[in-house]
Protein backbone atom coordinates (compact mmCIF):
# COMPACT_ATOMS: atom_id res chain seq x y z
CA MET A 1 0.00 0.00 0.00
CA ILE A 2 2.08 2.81 -1.37
CA GLU A 3 -0.62 5.33 -0.42
CA LEU A 4 -0.08 4.75 3.31
CA GLY A 5 3.67 5.14 2.85
CA LEU A 6 3.11 8.42 1.04
CA LEU A 7 0.78 9.62 3.76
CA ALA A 8 3.45 8.84 6.37
CA LEU A 9 6.14 10.55 4.28
CA PHE A 10 4.05 13.71 3.89
CA PHE A 11 3.32 13.73 7.63
CA LEU A 12 7.05 13.43 8.39
CA LEU A 13 7.84 16.24 5.93
CA GLN A 14 5.27 18.43 7.63
CA LYS A 15 6.79 17.77 11.05
CA HIS A 16 10.40 18.09 9.87
CA TYR A 17 9.88 21.45 8.19
CA LYS A 18 7.45 22.60 10.89
CA VAL A 19 4.75 23.73 8.49
CA THR A 20 1.14 24.09 9.57
CA VAL A 21 -1.23 22.70 6.99
CA PHE A 22 -4.47 23.21 8.89
CA LYS A 23 -5.03 25.70 11.70
CA THR A 24 -8.14 23.96 13.03
CA GLY A 25 -9.70 20.55 13.01
CA LYS A 26 -12.62 22.00 11.05
CA GLN A 27 -10.27 22.95 8.21
CA LEU A 28 -8.84 19.42 8.16
CA ILE A 29 -12.25 17.76 8.09
CA LEU A 30 -13.61 20.16 5.46
CA PHE A 31 -10.55 19.68 3.25
CA TRP A 32 -10.78 15.90 3.37
CA LEU A 33 -14.56 15.88 2.89
CA ILE A 34 -14.15 17.96 -0.26
CA ALA A 35 -11.28 15.77 -1.51
CA LEU A 36 -13.33 12.63 -0.82
CA ALA A 37 -16.45 14.03 -2.49
CA ILE A 38 -14.55 14.92 -5.65
CA GLY A 39 -12.55 11.69 -5.71
CA ILE A 40 -15.51 9.39 -5.04
CA THR A 41 -17.65 11.14 -7.64
CA TRP A 42 -14.86 10.94 -10.21
CA ASP A 43 -14.10 7.28 -9.57
CA TRP A 44 -17.72 6.22 -9.31
CA TYR A 45 -18.48 7.84 -12.66
CA GLY A 46 -15.41 6.32 -14.32
CA ILE A 47 -16.09 2.84 -13.01
CA THR A 48 -19.84 2.74 -13.63
CA SER A 49 -19.39 4.21 -17.12
CA GLY A 50 -16.86 1.51 -17.97
CA HIS A 51 -14.01 3.97 -18.52
CA TRP A 52 -11.74 1.99 -16.24
CA ILE A 53 -11.66 -1.11 -14.10
CA TYR A 54 -9.50 -2.33 -11.25
CA PRO A 55 -7.80 -5.65 -11.96
CA GLY A 56 -7.95 -8.12 -9.10
CA SER A 57 -4.21 -8.77 -9.06
CA GLY A 58 -3.32 -5.08 -8.68
CA ILE A 59 -5.40 -4.28 -5.61
CA LEU A 60 -6.12 -5.68 -2.15
CA GLY A 61 -9.65 -6.63 -3.12
CA ILE A 62 -11.36 -4.54 -0.42
CA PHE A 63 -14.08 -2.40 -1.96
CA ILE A 64 -16.35 0.23 -0.48
CA GLY A 65 -19.13 0.28 -3.01
CA VAL A 66 -17.42 0.04 -6.39
CA ILE A 67 -14.27 1.89 -5.25
CA PRO A 68 -11.24 -0.03 -3.96
CA LEU A 69 -9.77 0.86 -0.58
CA GLU A 70 -6.51 1.97 -2.21
CA ASP A 71 -8.32 4.71 -4.12
CA LEU A 72 -10.00 6.03 -0.99
CA ILE A 73 -6.62 6.25 0.74
CA PHE A 74 -5.26 7.92 -2.40
CA PHE A 75 -7.95 10.62 -2.02
CA PHE A 76 -6.54 11.39 1.44
CA SER A 77 -2.83 11.14 0.75
CA VAL A 78 -2.35 12.98 -2.54
CA PRO A 79 -4.23 16.24 -1.78
CA TYR A 80 -2.61 16.35 1.67
CA GLY A 81 0.79 15.72 0.09
CA ILE A 82 0.31 18.48 -2.44
CA LEU A 83 -0.46 20.94 0.35
CA VAL A 84 2.52 19.81 2.42
CA ILE A 85 4.94 20.03 -0.52
CA TYR A 86 3.59 23.46 -1.47
CA LEU A 87 4.03 24.77 2.08
CA VAL A 88 7.51 23.26 2.41
CA LEU A 89 8.60 24.86 -0.87
CA GLU A 90 7.02 28.15 0.12
CA LYS A 91 8.90 28.08 3.41
CA SER A 92 12.18 27.03 1.78
CA PHE A 93 11.99 29.59 -1.04
CA PRO A 94 10.00 32.57 0.27
CA SER A 95 8.79 35.12 -2.23
CA LYS A 96 10.00 38.69 -1.77
CA LYS A 97 6.65 40.08 -2.89
CA ARG A 98 4.39 37.91 -0.78
CA THR A 99 4.59 35.90 2.37
CA ARG A 100 2.14 33.37 3.79
CA GLU A 101 1.32 35.66 6.73
CA LYS A 102 -0.05 38.32 4.36
CA LEU A 103 -2.48 35.90 2.71
């Protein structure tokens, strides 16, 4: 499960560089609810329309509805990782014109 490894890596990056991704628990929950809603809708449409399938040998075989568990974890790890990497890069290479505090 590469997705869990990525999630752990992004968490470690966040802690190492001391970046704050979410200021409140509400922000965290809202972010992941939006990511899940978009991801589930996208996958459900693609699967039920026959645009793609998940081969049995490439996944664990645990499904929630028509979506494999790996995809649901992907919906958590990738958006979170993108935010962490963005904040780490922003902290490492600050812009002269704009800083995060001014946003």
